[in-house]
């Protein structure tokens, strides 16, 4: 699957099992979890996606970026 590289903004590859994100243009190589955090830190409008990683978020806020 193709995604936008958070470093160079070229096309990066997302593993079929969501285990990695790799960019051949800038040599980015990270796990999908690291990719999500990187995107959230880079652009505040995406910070709410970190809540998707909470086990049970009913009645609980997703927290701040620093807590992740």
N, C-alpha and C. Protein backbone atom coordinates (compact mmCIF):
# COMPACT_ATOMS: atom_id res chain seq x y z
N UNK A 1 0.85 -1.16 0.00
CA UNK A 1 0.00 0.00 0.00
C UNK A 1 0.91 1.24 0.00
N UNK A 2 0.45 2.29 -0.60
CA UNK A 2 1.23 3.53 -0.69
C UNK A 2 0.68 4.57 0.29
N UNK A 3 1.59 5.26 0.97
CA UNK A 3 1.26 6.34 1.88
C UNK A 3 2.21 7.50 1.63
N UNK A 4 1.89 8.65 2.16
CA UNK A 4 2.75 9.82 2.02
C UNK A 4 3.85 9.77 3.08
N UNK A 5 5.08 9.94 2.65
CA UNK A 5 6.21 9.94 3.58
C UNK A 5 6.14 11.20 4.44
N UNK A 6 6.24 11.07 5.75
CA UNK A 6 6.16 12.25 6.61
C UNK A 6 7.43 13.10 6.59
N UNK A 7 8.52 12.55 6.08
CA UNK A 7 9.76 13.31 6.05
C UNK A 7 9.93 14.08 4.75
N UNK A 8 9.86 13.38 3.62
CA UNK A 8 10.13 14.04 2.34
C UNK A 8 8.87 14.27 1.52
N UNK A 9 7.74 13.72 1.97
CA UNK A 9 6.43 13.88 1.33
C UNK A 9 6.31 13.20 -0.03
N UNK A 10 7.25 12.30 -0.33
CA UNK A 10 7.14 11.45 -1.52
C UNK A 10 6.28 10.25 -1.16
N UNK A 11 6.15 9.31 -2.07
CA UNK A 11 5.36 8.11 -1.82
C UNK A 11 6.20 7.08 -1.08
N UNK A 12 5.66 6.59 0.03
CA UNK A 12 6.31 5.56 0.84
C UNK A 12 5.47 4.29 0.77
N UNK A 13 6.07 3.19 1.19
CA UNK A 13 5.38 1.90 1.15
C UNK A 13 4.96 1.50 2.56
N UNK A 14 3.69 1.16 2.71
CA UNK A 14 3.15 0.63 3.96
C UNK A 14 3.00 -0.87 3.79
N UNK A 15 3.58 -1.65 4.69
CA UNK A 15 3.50 -3.10 4.61
C UNK A 15 2.06 -3.58 4.63
N UNK A 16 1.79 -4.67 3.92
CA UNK A 16 0.44 -5.22 3.85
C UNK A 16 -0.11 -5.57 5.23
N UNK A 17 0.78 -5.91 6.16
CA UNK A 17 0.35 -6.26 7.51
C UNK A 17 0.48 -5.07 8.47
N UNK A 18 0.68 -3.87 7.93
CA UNK A 18 0.82 -2.64 8.72
C UNK A 18 1.98 -2.73 9.71
N UNK A 19 3.03 -3.46 9.37
CA UNK A 19 4.15 -3.61 10.30
C UNK A 19 5.26 -2.59 10.06
N UNK A 20 5.31 -1.97 8.89
CA UNK A 20 6.38 -1.02 8.61
C UNK A 20 5.94 0.04 7.60
N UNK A 21 6.68 1.13 7.58
CA UNK A 21 6.56 2.17 6.55
C UNK A 21 7.98 2.45 6.09
N UNK A 22 8.19 2.37 4.78
CA UNK A 22 9.52 2.58 4.21
C UNK A 22 9.44 3.53 3.02
N UNK A 23 10.40 4.43 2.96
CA UNK A 23 10.49 5.38 1.85
C UNK A 23 11.84 5.20 1.18
N UNK A 24 11.84 4.91 -0.10
CA UNK A 24 13.10 4.72 -0.83
C UNK A 24 13.75 6.06 -1.19
N UNK A 25 13.01 7.14 -1.11
CA UNK A 25 13.54 8.46 -1.47
C UNK A 25 14.43 9.03 -0.37
N UNK A 26 14.02 8.87 0.89
CA UNK A 26 14.79 9.47 1.99
C UNK A 26 15.27 8.42 3.00
N UNK A 27 15.08 7.14 2.69
CA UNK A 27 15.53 6.02 3.53
C UNK A 27 14.79 5.94 4.87
N UNK A 28 13.59 6.48 4.94
CA UNK A 28 12.76 6.34 6.14
C UNK A 28 12.41 4.87 6.32
N UNK A 29 12.51 4.37 7.53
CA UNK A 29 12.15 2.99 7.83
C UNK A 29 11.70 2.96 9.29
N UNK A 30 10.39 2.79 9.50
CA UNK A 30 9.85 2.78 10.86
C UNK A 30 8.64 1.87 10.93
N UNK A 31 8.23 1.55 12.15
CA UNK A 31 7.02 0.76 12.33
C UNK A 31 5.81 1.64 12.05
N UNK A 32 4.67 1.01 11.85
CA UNK A 32 3.45 1.79 11.59
C UNK A 32 3.07 2.63 12.81
N UNK A 33 3.27 2.08 14.01
CA UNK A 33 2.98 2.83 15.23
C UNK A 33 3.83 4.09 15.33
N UNK A 34 5.12 3.96 14.99
CA UNK A 34 6.01 5.13 14.99
C UNK A 34 5.57 6.13 13.93
N UNK A 35 5.13 5.63 12.79
CA UNK A 35 4.64 6.48 11.70
C UNK A 35 3.44 7.31 12.15
N UNK A 36 2.49 6.67 12.82
CA UNK A 36 1.30 7.37 13.30
C UNK A 36 1.70 8.47 14.29
N UNK A 37 2.60 8.16 15.21
CA UNK A 37 3.05 9.15 16.18
C UNK A 37 3.78 10.29 15.48
N UNK A 38 4.61 9.96 14.51
CA UNK A 38 5.36 10.98 13.76
C UNK A 38 4.41 11.93 13.07
N UNK A 39 3.39 11.39 12.40
CA UNK A 39 2.40 12.20 11.70
C UNK A 39 1.66 13.09 12.70
N UNK A 40 1.29 12.53 13.84
CA UNK A 40 0.53 13.29 14.84
C UNK A 40 1.36 14.44 15.40
N UNK A 41 2.64 14.22 15.63
CA UNK A 41 3.50 15.29 16.13
C UNK A 41 3.73 16.35 15.06
N UNK A 42 3.84 15.92 13.83
CA UNK A 42 4.14 16.85 12.74
C UNK A 42 2.96 17.77 12.44
N UNK A 43 1.74 17.25 12.53
CA UNK A 43 0.56 18.03 12.17
C UNK A 43 -0.51 17.80 13.22
N UNK A 44 -0.83 18.83 13.97
CA UNK A 44 -1.76 18.73 15.10
C UNK A 44 -3.15 18.25 14.69
N UNK A 45 -3.56 18.46 13.44
CA UNK A 45 -4.90 18.02 13.04
C UNK A 45 -5.03 16.50 13.03
N UNK A 46 -3.90 15.79 13.06
CA UNK A 46 -3.94 14.34 13.09
C UNK A 46 -3.75 13.76 14.49
N UNK A 47 -3.57 14.60 15.49
CA UNK A 47 -3.26 14.10 16.83
C UNK A 47 -4.37 13.24 17.43
N UNK A 48 -5.61 13.41 16.97
CA UNK A 48 -6.71 12.61 17.52
C UNK A 48 -6.61 11.14 17.12
N UNK A 49 -5.82 10.79 16.10
CA UNK A 49 -5.70 9.38 15.70
C UNK A 49 -4.95 8.57 16.74
N UNK A 50 -4.20 9.24 17.63
CA UNK A 50 -3.50 8.50 18.68
C UNK A 50 -4.49 7.81 19.61
N UNK A 51 -5.69 8.33 19.71
CA UNK A 51 -6.72 7.71 20.54
C UNK A 51 -7.10 6.33 20.05
N UNK A 52 -6.86 6.03 18.78
CA UNK A 52 -7.15 4.71 18.24
C UNK A 52 -6.29 3.62 18.86
N UNK A 53 -5.17 4.01 19.46
CA UNK A 53 -4.28 3.03 20.06
C UNK A 53 -4.60 2.76 21.53
N UNK A 54 -5.55 3.47 22.10
CA UNK A 54 -5.95 3.24 23.48
C UNK A 54 -6.78 1.94 23.54
N UNK A 55 -6.54 1.13 24.56
CA UNK A 55 -7.27 -0.14 24.71
C UNK A 55 -8.75 0.09 24.91
N UNK A 56 -9.09 0.93 25.85
CA UNK A 56 -10.48 1.23 26.14
C UNK A 56 -10.59 2.72 26.35
N UNK A 57 -11.16 3.41 25.39
CA UNK A 57 -11.19 4.85 25.49
C UNK A 57 -12.56 5.39 25.86
N UNK A 58 -13.45 4.54 26.31
CA UNK A 58 -14.76 5.00 26.72
C UNK A 58 -14.65 5.77 28.02
N UNK A 59 -15.01 7.04 27.98
CA UNK A 59 -14.94 7.88 29.17
C UNK A 59 -13.55 8.38 29.49
N UNK A 60 -12.59 8.10 28.61
CA UNK A 60 -11.21 8.50 28.85
C UNK A 60 -10.73 9.33 27.67
N UNK A 61 -10.04 10.41 27.95
CA UNK A 61 -9.48 11.19 26.85
C UNK A 61 -8.24 10.50 26.31
N UNK A 62 -7.87 10.83 25.11
CA UNK A 62 -6.71 10.19 24.50
C UNK A 62 -5.40 10.71 25.04
N UNK A 63 -5.42 11.76 25.83
CA UNK A 63 -4.21 12.28 26.44
C UNK A 63 -3.50 13.26 25.53
N UNK A 64 -2.37 13.72 26.01
CA UNK A 64 -1.59 14.65 25.23
C UNK A 64 -0.58 13.89 24.38
N UNK A 65 0.01 14.58 23.43
CA UNK A 65 1.03 13.93 22.59
C UNK A 65 2.22 13.49 23.42
N UNK A 66 2.58 14.25 24.44
CA UNK A 66 3.73 13.90 25.26
C UNK A 66 3.50 12.61 26.05
N UNK A 67 2.26 12.29 26.38
CA UNK A 67 1.97 11.05 27.10
C UNK A 67 2.16 9.83 26.23
N UNK A 68 2.07 10.01 24.91
CA UNK A 68 2.25 8.87 24.00
C UNK A 68 3.71 8.64 23.79
